[in-house]
């Protein structure tokens, strides 16, 4: 995107990628259909040490702007849920669109060779890869973070930032499944079971599906909350977000001979109900259970605490939180304040969006900001 913007504005652009073909991460995104943006994009749906850093770029290139580009290339799309937009066809359409836009700008591609070295002298950047080298007055780093290393992802951007004395906010896996220890073994036996819940970590809360896995917890609600979770902290799950306080007491009056399992039937998957009730430890008919114990059970189901022992790491993380510190970058152009001509964009920067197309929109917006700045 950045190369296309600069190229179409008259700049001579070389795009170097160590992968043998472009857009590998785009091709696997959204189950192969590329969740390319989210119509609910706003700066407060991104994590960063500077909560306002993304505001400028996002305001100047919106989801509507990207949709105009998609429409120009006659790519059919649909909204799935929560503002998430996907291709009707394939993610390949987005890659082809970007390649076409680059071609219109005369962008030259150099694929399949890792960067050997980058030097900077006399206001020029010199890049060596394979048996080739190139010089330019500007260098844009759009290499992302180390999430999904099997796709070739590395921490290259961070090493380069440090080479130029820019600070790096410690990278960590985000939008990633959480793992549970042996003390939560009961729930690890529920692999494959999912439920619509509210997941809470700190002040962040997300209502979506949670999925139990053989290693712990996943699903959209858990992936979302993982970006806010810190090791050693608890995650709170409200298993019954639509139930109001006192519902068990009402069930007791209406069906006194029902058990807690029966009272929960139909609200959650049967296997999950059985596991939860076993943990709560209330057996027998509701009529024989004191109201105070029923109230306590309600509170437990509405605020069930898990303490994950970790995450599934960068291998399973959809994105990387942290990255090149925004303190050293211009929020308007993404240029390094102390190194004129050096730009960091996209996931390489300490800006991490929610699940559902937000990180793609940050990629497009930050690319536009840098691309236009390059072209003056």
Protein backbone atom coordinates (compact mmCIF):
# COMPACT_ATOMS: atom_id res chain seq x y z
CA UNK A 1 0.00 0.00 0.00
CA UNK A 2 2.73 2.45 0.96
CA UNK A 3 4.79 1.65 -2.14
CA UNK A 4 1.74 2.12 -4.38
CA UNK A 5 0.86 5.47 -2.83
CA UNK A 6 4.40 6.83 -3.19
CA UNK A 7 4.84 5.36 -6.66
CA UNK A 8 1.61 6.81 -7.97
CA UNK A 9 2.75 10.20 -6.72
CA UNK A 10 5.89 10.12 -8.80
CA UNK A 11 8.44 8.47 -6.54
CA UNK A 12 10.68 5.66 -7.74
CA UNK A 13 10.02 2.77 -5.37
CA UNK A 14 11.69 -0.57 -4.72
CA UNK A 15 9.78 -3.03 -2.52
CA UNK A 16 11.95 -5.75 -0.98
CA UNK A 17 10.39 -8.83 0.65
CA UNK A 18 12.33 -11.83 1.90
CA UNK A 19 9.33 -14.05 1.11
CA UNK A 20 9.21 -15.71 -2.30
CA UNK A 21 5.79 -14.22 -3.01
CA UNK A 22 4.01 -11.15 -1.65
CA UNK A 23 1.15 -10.97 0.83
CA UNK A 24 1.49 -14.37 2.50
CA UNK A 25 -0.13 -13.21 5.73
CA UNK A 26 -2.94 -11.53 3.80
CA UNK A 27 -3.65 -14.81 1.98
CA UNK A 28 -4.24 -16.75 5.22
CA UNK A 29 -6.22 -14.01 6.96
CA UNK A 30 -9.92 -14.31 7.66
CA UNK A 31 -9.97 -18.01 6.85
CA UNK A 32 -8.67 -17.19 3.39
CA UNK A 33 -11.20 -14.43 2.74
CA UNK A 34 -9.29 -11.54 4.35
CA UNK A 35 -11.12 -9.54 7.01
CA UNK A 36 -9.73 -6.42 5.34
CA UNK A 37 -11.22 -3.70 7.58
CA UNK A 38 -13.83 -2.91 10.22
CA UNK A 39 -16.44 -0.20 9.80
CA UNK A 40 -16.28 0.46 13.55
CA UNK A 41 -12.65 1.58 13.38
CA UNK A 42 -11.75 4.25 15.96
CA UNK A 43 -8.48 5.06 17.68
CA UNK A 44 -9.74 3.81 21.04
CA UNK A 45 -9.92 0.26 19.64
CA UNK A 46 -6.13 0.10 19.47
CA UNK A 47 -3.57 -0.58 22.22
CA UNK A 48 -0.43 1.53 22.43
CA UNK A 49 1.76 3.18 25.03
CA UNK A 50 0.41 6.38 23.43
CA UNK A 51 -3.35 5.86 23.28
CA UNK A 52 -3.80 8.73 20.81
CA UNK A 53 -0.98 7.97 18.39
CA UNK A 54 -3.12 6.15 15.82
CA UNK A 55 -5.79 8.86 15.74
CA UNK A 56 -4.20 11.01 13.00
CA UNK A 57 -3.55 8.31 10.40
CA UNK A 58 -6.88 6.57 11.03
CA UNK A 59 -8.79 9.83 10.64
CA UNK A 60 -7.12 10.58 7.31
CA UNK A 61 -7.66 7.14 5.75
CA UNK A 62 -10.89 5.48 6.83
CA UNK A 63 -12.61 2.15 6.12
CA UNK A 64 -14.78 4.03 3.60
CA UNK A 65 -11.64 5.07 1.74
CA UNK A 66 -10.45 1.48 1.55
CA UNK A 67 -13.89 0.36 0.41
CA UNK A 68 -13.67 2.87 -2.43
CA UNK A 69 -10.47 1.14 -3.53
CA UNK A 70 -12.09 -2.29 -3.21
CA UNK A 71 -15.07 -1.10 -5.27
CA UNK A 72 -12.74 0.32 -7.94
CA UNK A 73 -11.27 -3.17 -8.32
CA UNK A 74 -14.76 -4.70 -8.37
CA UNK A 75 -14.14 -6.92 -5.35
CA UNK A 76 -17.38 -8.17 -3.81
CA UNK A 77 -17.52 -8.12 -0.02
CA UNK A 78 -19.86 -8.73 2.89
CA UNK A 79 -20.17 -7.78 6.56
CA UNK A 80 -19.95 -10.77 8.85
CA UNK A 81 -20.47 -9.60 12.42
CA UNK A 82 -19.49 -6.59 14.52
CA UNK A 83 -18.50 -4.49 11.51
CA UNK A 84 -16.06 -7.07 10.12
CA UNK A 85 -15.77 -6.90 6.32
CA UNK A 86 -14.64 -9.88 4.23
CA UNK A 87 -14.14 -10.67 0.56
CA UNK A 88 -16.94 -12.75 -0.92
CA UNK A 89 -14.28 -14.56 -2.88
CA UNK A 90 -10.67 -14.91 -1.79
CA UNK A 91 -7.97 -12.97 0.04
CA UNK A 92 -6.02 -13.33 -3.21
CA UNK A 93 -8.22 -10.51 -4.55
CA UNK A 94 -6.78 -8.08 -1.99
CA UNK A 95 -3.20 -9.12 -2.79
CA UNK A 96 -3.86 -8.76 -6.52
CA UNK A 97 -5.44 -5.34 -5.91
CA UNK A 98 -2.36 -4.12 -4.04
CA UNK A 99 0.00 -5.53 -6.68
CA UNK A 100 -2.03 -3.82 -9.39
CA UNK A 101 -1.94 -0.52 -7.52
CA UNK A 102 1.83 -0.92 -7.14
CA UNK A 103 2.23 -1.67 -10.84
CA UNK A 104 0.31 1.53 -11.66
CA UNK A 105 2.94 3.38 -9.62
CA UNK A 106 5.85 1.62 -11.30
CA UNK A 107 6.85 -0.18 -8.11
CA UNK A 108 9.70 -2.65 -8.60
CA UNK A 109 9.50 -5.89 -6.61
CA UNK A 110 12.49 -7.80 -5.24
CA UNK A 111 11.37 -11.08 -3.69
CA UNK A 112 12.94 -14.13 -2.13
CA UNK A 113 16.12 -12.78 -0.51
CA UNK A 114 16.60 -11.69 3.13
CA UNK A 115 18.16 -8.32 3.89
CA UNK A 116 21.90 -8.68 4.46
CA UNK A 117 22.62 -5.18 5.78
CA UNK A 118 21.28 -1.64 6.00
CA UNK A 119 23.59 1.36 6.28
CA UNK A 120 22.95 5.08 6.53
CA UNK A 121 25.35 7.85 5.54
CA UNK A 122 25.15 11.25 3.87
CA UNK A 123 21.32 11.24 4.16
CA UNK A 124 21.14 8.05 2.08
CA UNK A 125 20.06 4.54 3.08
CA UNK A 126 21.89 1.62 1.50
CA UNK A 127 20.23 -1.80 1.54
CA UNK A 128 21.95 -5.04 0.55
CA UNK A 129 20.07 -8.27 -0.18
CA UNK A 130 21.26 -11.35 -2.07
CA UNK A 131 23.92 -10.09 -4.49
CA UNK A 132 22.18 -6.76 -5.01
CA UNK A 133 22.11 -3.38 -3.32
CA UNK A 134 20.17 -0.14 -3.64
CA UNK A 135 20.36 3.38 -2.27
CA UNK A 136 17.57 5.85 -1.54
CA UNK A 137 16.90 8.97 0.55
CA UNK A 138 14.02 7.23 2.34
CA UNK A 139 13.48 3.79 3.87
CA UNK A 140 10.08 2.45 4.97
CA UNK A 141 9.98 -0.57 7.30
CA UNK A 142 6.73 -2.51 6.98
CA UNK A 143 7.91 -5.92 8.14
CA UNK A 144 5.39 -6.50 10.93
CA UNK A 145 6.14 -8.41 14.11
CA UNK A 146 7.14 -12.00 14.95
CA UNK A 147 3.60 -13.45 15.08
CA UNK A 148 3.12 -16.58 12.93
CA UNK A 149 6.84 -17.30 12.35
CA UNK A 150 6.00 -20.22 10.03
CA UNK A 151 4.94 -17.55 7.54
CA UNK A 152 8.40 -15.99 7.75
CA UNK A 153 7.62 -13.38 10.42
CA UNK A 154 10.58 -12.11 12.43
CA UNK A 155 11.59 -9.28 14.75
CA UNK A 156 13.57 -7.62 11.94
CA UNK A 157 11.85 -4.25 12.43
CA UNK A 158 12.87 -4.13 16.09
CA UNK A 159 16.51 -4.92 15.33
CA UNK A 160 16.56 -2.16 12.73
CA UNK A 161 14.89 0.30 15.09
CA UNK A 162 17.53 -0.38 17.73
CA UNK A 163 20.27 0.02 15.10
CA UNK A 164 19.00 3.58 14.63
CA UNK A 165 18.64 4.11 18.40
CA UNK A 166 14.85 4.02 18.46
CA UNK A 167 13.20 2.49 21.52
CA UNK A 168 11.14 -0.69 21.29
CA UNK A 169 8.18 -1.50 23.54
CA UNK A 170 8.61 -5.14 24.57
CA UNK A 171 6.83 -7.28 21.96
CA UNK A 172 4.39 -9.92 23.15
CA UNK A 173 1.82 -12.23 21.53
CA UNK A 174 -1.65 -10.66 21.11
CA UNK A 175 -4.97 -11.98 19.86
CA UNK A 176 -3.70 -15.34 21.07
CA UNK A 177 -5.23 -18.37 22.88
CA UNK A 178 -4.60 -18.60 26.63
CA UNK A 179 -3.32 -21.76 28.30
CA UNK A 180 -4.46 -23.25 31.61
CA UNK A 181 -2.51 -25.23 34.21
CA UNK A 182 -3.30 -28.53 35.88
CA UNK A 183 -5.45 -26.81 38.51
CA UNK A 184 -7.92 -26.07 35.69
CA UNK A 185 -7.77 -29.63 34.32
CA UNK A 186 -11.57 -29.98 34.55
CA UNK A 187 -12.05 -27.29 31.92
CA UNK A 188 -9.32 -28.66 29.69
CA UNK A 189 -11.48 -31.76 29.25
CA UNK A 190 -14.11 -29.59 27.49
CA UNK A 191 -12.10 -29.27 24.28
CA UNK A 192 -14.36 -28.20 21.41
CA UNK A 193 -17.11 -26.70 23.60
CA UNK A 194 -17.93 -23.03 23.00
CA UNK A 195 -20.30 -20.51 24.58
CA UNK A 196 -21.22 -16.86 24.20
CA UNK A 197 -19.75 -15.10 27.23
CA UNK A 198 -18.31 -11.82 28.45
CA UNK A 199 -14.55 -12.05 29.01
CA UNK A 200 -12.92 -9.45 31.25
CA UNK A 201 -9.29 -8.51 31.91
CA UNK A 202 -8.62 -5.32 33.82
CA UNK A 203 -11.00 -2.66 32.49
CA UNK A 204 -11.50 -4.38 29.11
CA UNK A 205 -14.54 -6.57 28.45
CA UNK A 206 -15.65 -8.35 25.28
CA UNK A 207 -18.86 -10.24 24.60
CA UNK A 208 -18.27 -12.95 22.03
CA UNK A 209 -17.74 -16.70 21.86
CA UNK A 210 -15.22 -18.45 24.09
CA UNK A 211 -13.88 -21.84 23.04
CA UNK A 212 -12.41 -24.48 25.33
CA UNK A 213 -9.35 -26.22 23.87
CA UNK A 214 -7.13 -29.07 24.96
CA UNK A 215 -4.62 -26.46 26.14
CA UNK A 216 -6.94 -23.83 27.59
CA UNK A 217 -9.18 -21.10 26.18
CA UNK A 218 -9.61 -19.58 22.75
CA UNK A 219 -12.39 -18.11 20.59
CA UNK A 220 -12.99 -14.43 19.75
CA UNK A 221 -13.73 -13.29 23.32
CA UNK A 222 -10.51 -14.83 24.61
CA UNK A 223 -8.37 -13.62 21.71
CA UNK A 224 -9.65 -10.10 22.32
CA UNK A 225 -8.97 -10.18 26.03
CA UNK A 226 -5.52 -11.72 25.56
CA UNK A 227 -4.21 -8.38 24.28
CA UNK A 228 -5.03 -6.83 27.68
CA UNK A 229 -4.03 -9.79 29.88
CA UNK A 230 -0.71 -9.87 31.74
CA UNK A 231 0.97 -12.97 33.12
CA UNK A 232 -0.12 -13.74 36.68
CA UNK A 233 -3.42 -11.89 36.35
CA UNK A 234 -6.85 -13.51 36.36
CA UNK A 235 -9.38 -13.49 33.53
CA UNK A 236 -13.02 -13.20 34.54
CA UNK A 237 -15.77 -14.91 32.55
CA UNK A 238 -19.47 -14.09 32.82
CA UNK A 239 -21.08 -17.30 31.60
CA UNK A 240 -24.62 -15.89 31.79
CA UNK A 241 -24.47 -12.24 30.65
CA UNK A 242 -28.22 -12.10 29.93
CA UNK A 243 -29.28 -13.27 33.40
CA UNK A 244 -30.25 -10.75 36.06
CA UNK A 245 -29.51 -11.17 39.79
CA UNK A 246 -32.03 -13.38 41.52
CA UNK A 247 -32.79 -15.62 38.57
CA UNK A 248 -31.92 -18.80 40.48
CA UNK A 249 -34.17 -17.76 43.36
CA UNK A 250 -36.96 -17.27 40.82
CA UNK A 251 -36.22 -20.69 39.29
CA UNK A 252 -36.43 -22.20 42.75
CA UNK A 253 -39.92 -20.73 43.25
CA UNK A 254 -41.10 -21.77 39.78
CA UNK A 255 -39.59 -25.28 39.67
CA UNK A 256 -38.53 -26.24 43.21
CA UNK A 257 -37.79 -29.87 42.28
CA UNK A 258 -35.36 -28.90 39.50
CA UNK A 259 -31.62 -29.29 40.00
CA UNK A 260 -29.04 -26.62 39.21
CA UNK A 261 -28.08 -28.61 36.10
CA UNK A 262 -31.67 -28.54 34.91
CA UNK A 263 -32.01 -24.83 35.73
CA UNK A 264 -29.00 -24.16 33.48
CA UNK A 265 -30.18 -26.48 30.69
CA UNK A 266 -30.48 -24.68 27.40
CA UNK A 267 -28.46 -21.66 28.50
CA UNK A 268 -25.05 -23.27 27.99
CA UNK A 269 -23.75 -26.46 26.33
CA UNK A 270 -24.56 -29.54 28.38
CA UNK A 271 -20.94 -30.57 28.95
CA UNK A 272 -20.08 -27.08 30.18
CA UNK A 273 -23.10 -26.99 32.50
CA UNK A 274 -22.08 -30.31 34.04
CA UNK A 275 -18.51 -29.11 34.61
CA UNK A 276 -19.57 -25.79 36.11
CA UNK A 277 -22.08 -27.35 38.49
CA UNK A 278 -19.51 -29.95 39.55
CA UNK A 279 -17.08 -27.14 40.41
CA UNK A 280 -19.74 -25.13 42.26
CA UNK A 281 -20.63 -28.21 44.29
CA UNK A 282 -24.40 -27.71 44.59
CA UNK A 283 -26.38 -30.91 44.15
CA UNK A 284 -29.97 -31.87 44.82
CA UNK A 285 -33.23 -30.03 44.22
CA UNK A 286 -33.29 -26.23 44.28
CA UNK A 287 -35.94 -26.38 47.02
CA UNK A 288 -33.34 -27.82 49.36
CA UNK A 289 -30.67 -25.24 48.62
CA UNK A 290 -30.68 -22.03 50.73
CA UNK A 291 -31.22 -18.77 48.83
CA UNK A 292 -27.85 -17.51 50.01
CA UNK A 293 -26.07 -20.45 48.34
CA UNK A 294 -28.05 -19.89 45.15
CA UNK A 295 -27.07 -16.23 45.18
CA UNK A 296 -23.43 -17.25 45.66
CA UNK A 297 -23.71 -19.66 42.70
CA UNK A 298 -25.10 -16.83 40.55
CA UNK A 299 -22.16 -14.63 41.47
CA UNK A 300 -19.70 -17.40 40.67
CA UNK A 301 -21.25 -18.02 37.25
CA UNK A 302 -21.25 -14.28 36.52
CA UNK A 303 -17.62 -13.79 37.56
CA UNK A 304 -15.74 -17.04 37.10
CA UNK A 305 -12.02 -16.49 37.58
CA UNK A 306 -9.36 -18.26 35.55
CA UNK A 307 -5.67 -17.65 36.01
CA UNK A 308 -3.98 -18.64 32.73
CA UNK A 309 -0.43 -19.89 33.03
CA UNK A 310 0.52 -18.40 29.67
CA UNK A 311 -0.42 -18.09 26.01
CA UNK A 312 0.19 -20.23 22.95
CA UNK A 313 2.87 -17.75 21.95
CA UNK A 314 3.82 -16.06 18.72
CA UNK A 315 3.21 -19.29 16.80
CA UNK A 316 -0.55 -18.90 17.31
CA UNK A 317 -0.80 -15.13 17.86
CA UNK A 318 -2.64 -13.26 15.12
CA UNK A 319 -0.67 -10.08 15.84
CA UNK A 320 2.12 -8.72 18.00
CA UNK A 321 1.52 -6.15 20.73
CA UNK A 322 4.33 -3.72 21.46
CA UNK A 323 6.92 -2.83 18.84
CA UNK A 324 8.75 0.29 17.69
CA UNK A 325 7.93 2.98 20.25
CA UNK A 326 5.62 5.72 19.04
CA UNK A 327 7.61 8.19 21.14
CA UNK A 328 10.21 8.34 18.40
CA UNK A 329 7.79 8.60 15.47
CA UNK A 330 5.62 11.33 14.00
CA UNK A 331 1.93 10.42 14.34
CA UNK A 332 1.21 12.27 11.10
CA UNK A 333 3.90 10.79 8.85
CA UNK A 334 5.28 7.75 10.78
CA UNK A 335 8.78 9.14 10.20
CA UNK A 336 11.45 8.72 12.88
CA UNK A 337 11.94 12.08 14.55
CA UNK A 338 15.72 11.73 14.90
CA UNK A 339 16.39 9.91 11.61
CA UNK A 340 14.94 11.84 8.65
CA UNK A 341 13.81 9.55 5.85
CA UNK A 342 13.25 6.49 8.08
CA UNK A 343 9.64 5.34 8.50
CA UNK A 344 8.00 2.49 10.45
CA UNK A 345 4.42 1.50 9.62
CA UNK A 346 1.83 -1.19 10.32
CA UNK A 347 2.30 -3.94 12.88
CA UNK A 348 5.98 -3.08 13.36
CA UNK A 349 4.82 -0.05 15.37
CA UNK A 350 3.47 -0.16 18.95
CA UNK A 351 -0.14 0.01 17.75
CA UNK A 352 -2.29 -3.11 18.08
CA UNK A 353 -5.94 -3.32 17.10
CA UNK A 354 -8.84 -5.43 18.23
CA UNK A 355 -9.75 -8.63 16.45
CA UNK A 356 -11.87 -8.17 13.35
CA UNK A 357 -10.11 -6.14 10.65
CA UNK A 358 -8.75 -3.33 12.81
CA UNK A 359 -5.11 -4.26 12.29
CA UNK A 360 -5.54 -4.27 8.52
CA UNK A 361 -7.09 -0.80 8.71
CA UNK A 362 -4.09 0.42 10.71
CA UNK A 363 -1.82 -1.08 8.05
CA UNK A 364 -3.67 0.75 5.25
CA UNK A 365 -3.90 4.03 7.18
CA UNK A 366 -0.29 4.12 8.35
CA UNK A 367 0.87 3.15 4.83
CA UNK A 368 -1.11 6.00 3.34
CA UNK A 369 0.30 8.46 5.86
CA UNK A 370 3.90 7.45 5.13
CA UNK A 371 3.36 7.11 1.38
CA UNK A 372 1.92 10.61 1.06
CA UNK A 373 4.68 12.04 3.26
CA UNK A 374 7.31 10.44 1.01
CA UNK A 375 5.78 12.11 -2.01
CA UNK A 376 5.60 15.48 -0.30
